[in-house]
């Protein structure tokens, strides 16, 4: 159970290193905007 807690903390670290993920989402939004424009 304690290990699971540590894993949860790792998730936070992933969020910090997962900054690329939100950026990718932004690119996706941009693509969607292009489709809307088209």
PDB file of N, CA and C in Angstrom:
ATOM      1  N   UNK A   1       0.858  -1.208   0.000  1.00  0.00           N
ATOM      2  CA  UNK A   1       0.000   0.000   0.000  1.00  0.00           C
ATOM      3  C   UNK A   1       0.888   1.250   0.000  1.00  0.00           C
ATOM      4  N   UNK A   2       1.970   1.148   0.789  1.00  0.00           N
ATOM      5  CA  UNK A   2       2.882   2.306   0.844  1.00  0.00           C
ATOM      6  C   UNK A   2       3.515   2.510  -0.534  1.00  0.00           C
ATOM      7  N   UNK A   3       3.772   1.408  -1.219  1.00  0.00           N
ATOM      8  CA  UNK A   3       4.384   1.508  -2.550  1.00  0.00           C
ATOM      9  C   UNK A   3       3.411   2.220  -3.491  1.00  0.00           C
ATOM     10  N   UNK A   4       2.150   1.894  -3.361  1.00  0.00           N
ATOM     11  CA  UNK A   4       1.140   2.530  -4.223  1.00  0.00           C
ATOM     12  C   UNK A   4       1.156   4.034  -3.973  1.00  0.00           C
ATOM     13  N   UNK A   5       1.354   4.402  -2.708  1.00  0.00           N
ATOM     14  CA  UNK A   5       1.383   5.838  -2.388  1.00  0.00           C
ATOM     15  C   UNK A   5       2.564   6.493  -3.100  1.00  0.00           C
ATOM     16  N   UNK A   6       3.686   5.774  -3.086  1.00  0.00           N
ATOM     17  CA  UNK A   6       4.887   6.318  -3.739  1.00  0.00           C
ATOM     18  C   UNK A   6       4.613   6.455  -5.240  1.00  0.00           C
ATOM     19  N   UNK A   7       3.895   5.500  -5.767  1.00  0.00           N
ATOM     20  CA  UNK A   7       3.576   5.548  -7.204  1.00  0.00           C
ATOM     21  C   UNK A   7       2.741   6.780  -7.502  1.00  0.00           C
ATOM     22  N   UNK A   8       1.833   7.086  -6.579  1.00  0.00           N
ATOM     23  CA  UNK A   8       0.975   8.266  -6.765  1.00  0.00           C
ATOM     24  C   UNK A   8       1.841   9.519  -6.830  1.00  0.00           C
ATOM     25  N   UNK A   9       2.867   9.558  -5.996  1.00  0.00           N
ATOM     26  CA  UNK A   9       3.753  10.734  -5.996  1.00  0.00           C
ATOM     27  C   UNK A   9       4.498  10.780  -7.334  1.00  0.00           C
ATOM     28  N   UNK A  10       4.817   9.602  -7.842  1.00  0.00           N
ATOM     29  CA  UNK A  10       5.523   9.544  -9.126  1.00  0.00           C
ATOM     30  C   UNK A  10       4.638  10.153 -10.213  1.00  0.00           C
ATOM     31  N   UNK A  11       3.341   9.985 -10.045  1.00  0.00           N
ATOM     32  CA  UNK A  11       2.405  10.552 -11.032  1.00  0.00           C
ATOM     33  C   UNK A  11       2.612  12.062 -11.105  1.00  0.00           C
ATOM     34  N   UNK A  12       2.829  12.682  -9.955  1.00  0.00           N
ATOM     35  CA  UNK A  12       3.042  14.139  -9.931  1.00  0.00           C
ATOM     36  C   UNK A  12       4.301  14.475 -10.715  1.00  0.00           C
ATOM     37  N   UNK A  13       5.326  13.650 -10.521  1.00  0.00           N
ATOM     38  CA  UNK A  13       6.578  13.881 -11.254  1.00  0.00           C
ATOM     39  C   UNK A  13       6.313  13.740 -12.750  1.00  0.00           C
ATOM     40  N   UNK A  14       5.480  12.785 -13.086  1.00  0.00           N
ATOM     41  CA  UNK A  14       5.150  12.554 -14.495  1.00  0.00           C
ATOM     42  C   UNK A  14       4.462  13.787 -15.056  1.00  0.00           C
ATOM     43  N   UNK A  15       3.641  14.407 -14.231  1.00  0.00           N
ATOM     44  CA  UNK A  15       2.917  15.605 -14.689  1.00  0.00           C
ATOM     45  C   UNK A  15       3.929  16.689 -15.029  1.00  0.00           C
ATOM     46  N   UNK A  16       4.957  16.785 -14.185  1.00  0.00           N
ATOM     47  CA  UNK A  16       5.981  17.815 -14.420  1.00  0.00           C
ATOM     48  C   UNK A  16       6.724  17.502 -15.712  1.00  0.00           C
ATOM     49  N   UNK A  17       7.077  16.225 -15.879  1.00  0.00           N
ATOM     50  CA  UNK A  17       7.804  15.829 -17.081  1.00  0.00           C
ATOM     51  C   UNK A  17       6.828  15.634 -18.238  1.00  0.00           C
ATOM     52  N   UNK A  18       5.538  15.569 -17.908  1.00  0.00           N
ATOM     53  CA  UNK A  18       4.518  15.376 -18.942  1.00  0.00           C
ATOM     54  C   UNK A  18       4.064  16.710 -19.512  1.00  0.00           C
ATOM     55  N   UNK A  19       4.878  17.733 -19.330  1.00  0.00           N
ATOM     56  CA  UNK A  19       4.518  19.050 -19.867  1.00  0.00           C
ATOM     57  C   UNK A  19       4.344  18.925 -21.390  1.00  0.00           C
ATOM     58  N   UNK A  20       5.012  17.939 -21.948  1.00  0.00           N
ATOM     59  CA  UNK A  20       4.943  17.739 -23.403  1.00  0.00           C
ATOM     60  C   UNK A  20       3.516  17.304 -23.763  1.00  0.00           C
ATOM     61  N   UNK A  21       2.880  16.581 -22.844  1.00  0.00           N
ATOM     62  CA  UNK A  21       1.520  16.092 -23.133  1.00  0.00           C
ATOM     63  C   UNK A  21       0.552  17.255 -23.338  1.00  0.00           C
ATOM     64  N   UNK A  22       0.485  18.194 -22.398  1.00  0.00           N
ATOM     65  CA  UNK A  22      -0.414  19.348 -22.569  1.00  0.00           C
ATOM     66  C   UNK A  22      -0.075  20.119 -23.841  1.00  0.00           C
ATOM     67  N   UNK A  23       1.223  20.202 -24.138  1.00  0.00           N
ATOM     68  CA  UNK A  23       1.655  20.925 -25.340  1.00  0.00           C
ATOM     69  C   UNK A  23       1.092  20.204 -26.564  1.00  0.00           C
ATOM     70  N   UNK A  24       1.156  18.886 -26.517  1.00  0.00           N
ATOM     71  CA  UNK A  24       0.640  18.086 -27.636  1.00  0.00           C
ATOM     72  C   UNK A  24      -0.859  18.338 -27.773  1.00  0.00           C
ATOM     73  N   UNK A  25      -1.504  18.461 -26.639  1.00  0.00           N
ATOM     74  CA  UNK A  25      -2.952  18.724 -26.667  1.00  0.00           C
ATOM     75  C   UNK A  25      -3.196  20.054 -27.359  1.00  0.00           C
ATOM     76  N   UNK A  26      -2.335  21.010 -27.077  1.00  0.00           N
ATOM     77  CA  UNK A  26      -2.466  22.336 -27.691  1.00  0.00           C
ATOM     78  C   UNK A  26      -2.323  22.220 -29.196  1.00  0.00           C
ATOM     79  N   UNK A  27      -1.387  21.404 -29.627  1.00  0.00           N
ATOM     80  CA  UNK A  27      -1.192  21.213 -31.074  1.00  0.00           C
ATOM     81  C   UNK A  27      -2.459  20.604 -31.651  1.00  0.00           C
ATOM     82  N   UNK A  28      -3.035  19.691 -30.894  1.00  0.00           N
ATOM     83  CA  UNK A  28      -4.263  19.036 -31.365  1.00  0.00           C
ATOM     84  C   UNK A  28      -5.367  20.074 -31.516  1.00  0.00           C
ATOM     85  N   UNK A  29      -5.437  20.971 -30.545  1.00  0.00           N
ATOM     86  CA  UNK A  29      -6.458  22.026 -30.593  1.00  0.00           C
ATOM     87  C   UNK A  29      -6.227  22.890 -31.817  1.00  0.00           C
ATOM     88  N   UNK A  30      -4.960  23.149 -32.106  1.00  0.00           N
ATOM     89  CA  UNK A  30      -4.622  23.981 -33.267  1.00  0.00           C
ATOM     90  C   UNK A  30      -5.125  23.294 -34.537  1.00  0.00           C
ATOM     91  N   UNK A  31      -4.900  21.985 -34.590  1.00  0.00           N
ATOM     92  CA  UNK A  31      -5.326  21.213 -35.763  1.00  0.00           C
ATOM     93  C   UNK A  31      -6.847  21.297 -35.882  1.00  0.00           C
ATOM     94  N   UNK A  32      -7.515  21.207 -34.750  1.00  0.00           N
ATOM     95  CA  UNK A  32      -8.989  21.263 -34.757  1.00  0.00           C
ATOM     96  C   UNK A  32      -9.439  22.633 -35.262  1.00  0.00           C
ATOM     97  N   UNK A  33      -8.721  23.663 -34.864  1.00  0.00           N
ATOM     98  CA  UNK A  33      -9.076  25.020 -35.302  1.00  0.00           C
ATOM     99  C   UNK A  33      -8.932  25.114 -36.816  1.00  0.00           C
ATOM    100  N   UNK A  34      -7.884  24.475 -37.321  1.00  0.00           N
ATOM    101  CA  UNK A  34      -7.654  24.509 -38.771  1.00  0.00           C
ATOM    102  C   UNK A  34      -8.830  23.837 -39.475  1.00  0.00           C
ATOM    103  N   UNK A  35      -9.264  22.731 -38.921  1.00  0.00           N
ATOM    104  CA  UNK A  35     -10.392  22.002 -39.520  1.00  0.00           C
ATOM    105  C   UNK A  35     -11.631  22.896 -39.486  1.00  0.00           C
ATOM    106  N   UNK A  36     -11.785  23.612 -38.376  1.00  0.00           N
ATOM    107  CA  UNK A  36     -12.955  24.498 -38.240  1.00  0.00           C
ATOM    108  C   UNK A  36     -12.866  25.609 -39.284  1.00  0.00           C
ATOM    109  N   UNK A  37     -11.648  26.117 -39.482  1.00  0.00           N
ATOM    110  CA  UNK A  37     -11.446  27.193 -40.449  1.00  0.00           C
ATOM    111  C   UNK A  37     -11.757  26.685 -41.852  1.00  0.00           C
ATOM    112  N   UNK A  38     -11.366  25.417 -42.100  1.00  0.00           N
ATOM    113  CA  UNK A  38     -11.583  24.853 -43.433  1.00  0.00           C
ATOM    114  C   UNK A  38     -13.067  24.677 -43.645  1.00  0.00           C
TER     115      UNK A  38
END
